[in-house]
Protein backbone atom coordinates (compact mmCIF):
# COMPACT_ATOMS: atom_id res chain seq x y z
CA UNK A 1 -13.06 10.83 -16.03
CA UNK A 2 -12.59 11.58 -19.68
CA UNK A 3 -12.82 8.61 -22.02
CA UNK A 4 -10.22 9.89 -24.43
CA UNK A 5 -6.73 8.44 -24.11
CA UNK A 6 -4.39 11.41 -23.93
CA UNK A 7 -0.78 10.76 -24.73
CA UNK A 8 2.25 12.73 -23.65
CA UNK A 9 3.95 13.66 -20.45
CA UNK A 10 2.17 14.17 -17.15
CA UNK A 11 1.34 17.63 -15.90
CA UNK A 12 4.47 18.99 -14.17
CA UNK A 13 2.43 20.21 -11.18
CA UNK A 14 0.82 16.77 -10.79
CA UNK A 15 4.27 15.17 -10.87
CA UNK A 16 5.50 17.54 -8.16
CA UNK A 17 2.52 16.76 -5.94
CA UNK A 18 2.83 13.00 -6.47
CA UNK A 19 6.56 12.93 -5.80
CA UNK A 20 6.19 15.33 -2.86
CA UNK A 21 3.51 13.14 -1.26
CA UNK A 22 5.62 10.05 -1.89
CA UNK A 23 8.67 11.54 -0.17
CA UNK A 24 6.53 12.82 2.72
CA UNK A 25 4.96 9.37 3.26
CA UNK A 26 8.35 7.62 3.16
CA UNK A 27 9.86 10.08 5.63
CA UNK A 28 6.84 9.83 7.97
CA UNK A 29 7.04 6.02 8.00
CA UNK A 30 10.81 6.07 8.54
CA UNK A 31 10.40 8.57 11.39
CA UNK A 32 7.88 6.49 13.34
CA UNK A 33 9.77 3.25 12.74
CA UNK A 34 13.27 4.47 13.53
CA UNK A 35 12.77 7.40 15.91
CA UNK A 36 10.09 6.06 18.26
CA UNK A 37 11.52 3.69 20.87
CA UNK A 38 10.81 0.01 20.27
CA UNK A 39 8.45 -1.98 22.46
CA UNK A 40 10.57 -5.03 23.15
CA UNK A 41 8.66 -8.21 23.70
CA UNK A 42 5.18 -6.94 22.72
CA UNK A 43 3.36 -10.13 21.75
CA UNK A 44 -0.28 -9.06 21.70
CA UNK A 45 -1.29 -6.83 18.81
CA UNK A 46 -2.78 -3.49 19.69
CA UNK A 47 -6.21 -2.65 18.33
CA UNK A 48 -4.57 -0.43 15.70
CA UNK A 49 -2.27 -3.26 14.55
CA UNK A 50 -5.32 -5.46 14.01
CA UNK A 51 -7.16 -2.63 12.23
CA UNK A 52 -4.10 -2.18 10.00
CA UNK A 53 -4.17 -5.83 8.97
CA UNK A 54 -7.90 -5.65 8.28
CA UNK A 55 -7.50 -2.50 6.16
CA UNK A 56 -4.63 -4.08 4.23
CA UNK A 57 -6.64 -7.23 3.58
CA UNK A 58 -9.73 -5.28 2.55
CA UNK A 59 -7.68 -3.11 0.18
CA UNK A 60 -6.31 -6.27 -1.42
CA UNK A 61 -9.85 -7.64 -1.88
CA UNK A 62 -10.97 -4.42 -3.58
CA UNK A 63 -7.89 -4.51 -5.84
CA UNK A 64 -8.79 -8.03 -6.98
CA UNK A 65 -12.45 -7.07 -7.46
CA UNK A 66 -11.40 -3.99 -9.44
CA UNK A 67 -9.22 -6.15 -11.67
CA UNK A 68 -12.11 -8.54 -12.29
CA UNK A 69 -14.42 -5.64 -13.13
CA UNK A 70 -12.02 -4.07 -15.61
CA UNK A 71 -11.56 -7.43 -17.35
CA UNK A 72 -15.36 -7.61 -17.65
CA UNK A 73 -15.39 -4.04 -19.00
CA UNK A 74 -17.46 -2.88 -16.01
CA UNK A 75 -15.55 0.38 -15.74
CA UNK A 76 -17.72 2.17 -13.18
CA UNK A 77 -17.45 -0.79 -10.79
CA UNK A 78 -13.70 -0.97 -11.53
CA UNK A 79 -13.29 2.72 -10.70
CA UNK A 80 -15.27 2.41 -7.45
CA UNK A 81 -13.25 -0.63 -6.34
CA UNK A 82 -9.89 0.95 -7.11
CA UNK A 83 -10.79 4.22 -5.39
CA UNK A 84 -12.05 2.22 -2.40
CA UNK A 85 -8.77 0.28 -2.34
CA UNK A 86 -6.87 3.56 -2.42
CA UNK A 87 -9.03 5.00 0.36
CA UNK A 88 -8.53 1.90 2.50
CA UNK A 89 -4.77 2.00 1.86
CA UNK A 90 -4.71 5.69 2.79
CA UNK A 91 -6.63 4.98 5.99
CA UNK A 92 -4.20 2.11 6.63
CA UNK A 93 -1.30 4.56 6.32
CA UNK A 94 -2.84 6.91 8.89
CA UNK A 95 -3.53 4.11 11.38
CA UNK A 96 -0.11 2.58 10.69
CA UNK A 97 1.59 5.87 11.55
CA UNK A 98 -0.56 6.26 14.68
CA UNK A 99 0.20 2.70 15.78
CA UNK A 100 3.95 3.01 15.30
CA UNK A 101 4.00 6.48 16.86
CA UNK A 102 2.67 4.76 19.99
CA UNK A 103 4.68 1.52 20.00
CA UNK A 104 7.65 2.08 17.71
CA UNK A 105 8.97 -0.90 15.81
CA UNK A 106 7.82 -4.29 17.10
CA UNK A 107 10.67 -6.80 16.73
CA UNK A 108 9.99 -10.26 15.35
CA UNK A 109 10.52 -12.91 18.02
CA UNK A 110 10.82 -15.97 15.76
CA UNK A 111 14.08 -17.78 15.09
CA UNK A 112 15.55 -20.12 12.52
CA UNK A 113 13.72 -20.81 9.26
CA UNK A 114 10.62 -18.89 10.28
CA UNK A 115 12.75 -15.78 10.87
CA UNK A 116 14.30 -16.20 7.43
CA UNK A 117 10.83 -16.48 5.86
CA UNK A 118 9.68 -13.41 7.81
CA UNK A 119 12.65 -11.34 6.66
CA UNK A 120 12.26 -12.62 3.07
CA UNK A 121 8.69 -11.26 3.11
CA UNK A 122 9.52 -8.10 5.03
CA UNK A 123 12.36 -6.75 2.88
CA UNK A 124 10.46 -6.62 -0.44
CA UNK A 125 7.36 -5.49 1.47
CA UNK A 126 9.21 -2.43 2.80
CA UNK A 127 10.78 -1.55 -0.55
CA UNK A 128 7.56 -2.06 -2.52
CA UNK A 129 5.45 -0.19 0.05
CA UNK A 130 7.57 2.88 -0.68
CA UNK A 131 7.46 2.28 -4.44
CA UNK A 132 3.69 1.74 -4.49
CA UNK A 133 2.89 5.26 -3.29
CA UNK A 134 3.93 7.09 -6.47
CA UNK A 135 2.80 4.19 -8.67
CA UNK A 136 -0.71 4.18 -7.19
CA UNK A 137 -0.94 7.97 -7.38
CA UNK A 138 0.17 8.03 -11.04
CA UNK A 139 -2.18 5.17 -11.88
CA UNK A 140 -5.16 6.95 -10.32
CA UNK A 141 -4.18 10.33 -11.77
CA UNK A 142 -3.87 8.95 -15.28
CA UNK A 143 -7.17 7.09 -15.07
CA UNK A 144 -8.93 10.08 -13.55
CA UNK A 145 -7.66 12.44 -16.27
CA UNK A 146 -8.66 10.05 -19.06
CA UNK A 147 -5.13 9.14 -20.10
CA UNK A 148 -6.21 5.54 -20.37
CA UNK A 149 -3.32 4.16 -22.40
CA UNK A 150 -0.82 5.51 -19.87
CA UNK A 151 -3.14 4.39 -17.05
CA UNK A 152 -3.17 0.81 -18.36
CA UNK A 153 0.58 0.83 -18.84
CA UNK A 154 1.36 1.79 -15.24
CA UNK A 155 -1.56 -0.23 -13.81
CA UNK A 156 0.02 -3.43 -15.16
CA UNK A 157 2.96 -2.71 -12.88
CA UNK A 158 1.06 -1.16 -9.99
CA UNK A 159 -1.54 -3.89 -9.44
CA UNK A 160 0.73 -6.89 -8.76
CA UNK A 161 3.05 -4.81 -6.59
CA UNK A 162 0.17 -3.31 -4.62
CA UNK A 163 -1.36 -6.76 -4.16
CA UNK A 164 1.98 -8.05 -2.85
CA UNK A 165 2.22 -5.17 -0.38
CA UNK A 166 -1.34 -5.77 0.85
CA UNK A 167 -1.02 -9.55 1.13
CA UNK A 168 2.48 -9.51 2.61
CA UNK A 169 1.37 -6.85 5.11
CA UNK A 170 -1.34 -9.16 6.42
CA UNK A 171 1.09 -12.10 6.47
CA UNK A 172 3.73 -10.06 8.31
CA UNK A 173 1.14 -9.00 10.89
CA UNK A 174 0.12 -12.64 11.39
CA UNK A 175 3.72 -13.80 11.71
CA UNK A 176 4.64 -10.96 14.07
CA UNK A 177 1.77 -11.48 16.49
CA UNK A 178 0.47 -15.02 16.02
CA UNK A 179 3.51 -17.25 15.51
């Protein structure tokens, strides 16, 4: 990564790739959720569902560690943690798609207040999971290309949203299979 903070607009080709990947990911997730038949009444998590939760949780831990490292000005450790978080989140996406291609959407069985809490977590989780794809890609791209001022600017938005998606993903898994 270059240490100089470049200013200006992003490379048009990079924007196309980032937006193209973001649309592809959103369509792939929508396809496996809405086109694969649902497995009504599935109460035990599959191995992939458990792996997904573990990957989500691990990604969240690396995000927090990366934040701590950047605050301490340990930039190499920060970079390694954030790239690890991105790798774990990417692996999560692959296993998530595989899981839902096999089982479809697993409906929440809870009722009453717990269902309201579940849905209150799920709705922003879904929206922010789609939003985080381009945000994470732009954040990494700008850091990688040495555009540090722009990297910091988008990272201030990306980090809390990505942490919410990771933490709420683990919570949703727990509520779906263990309540």
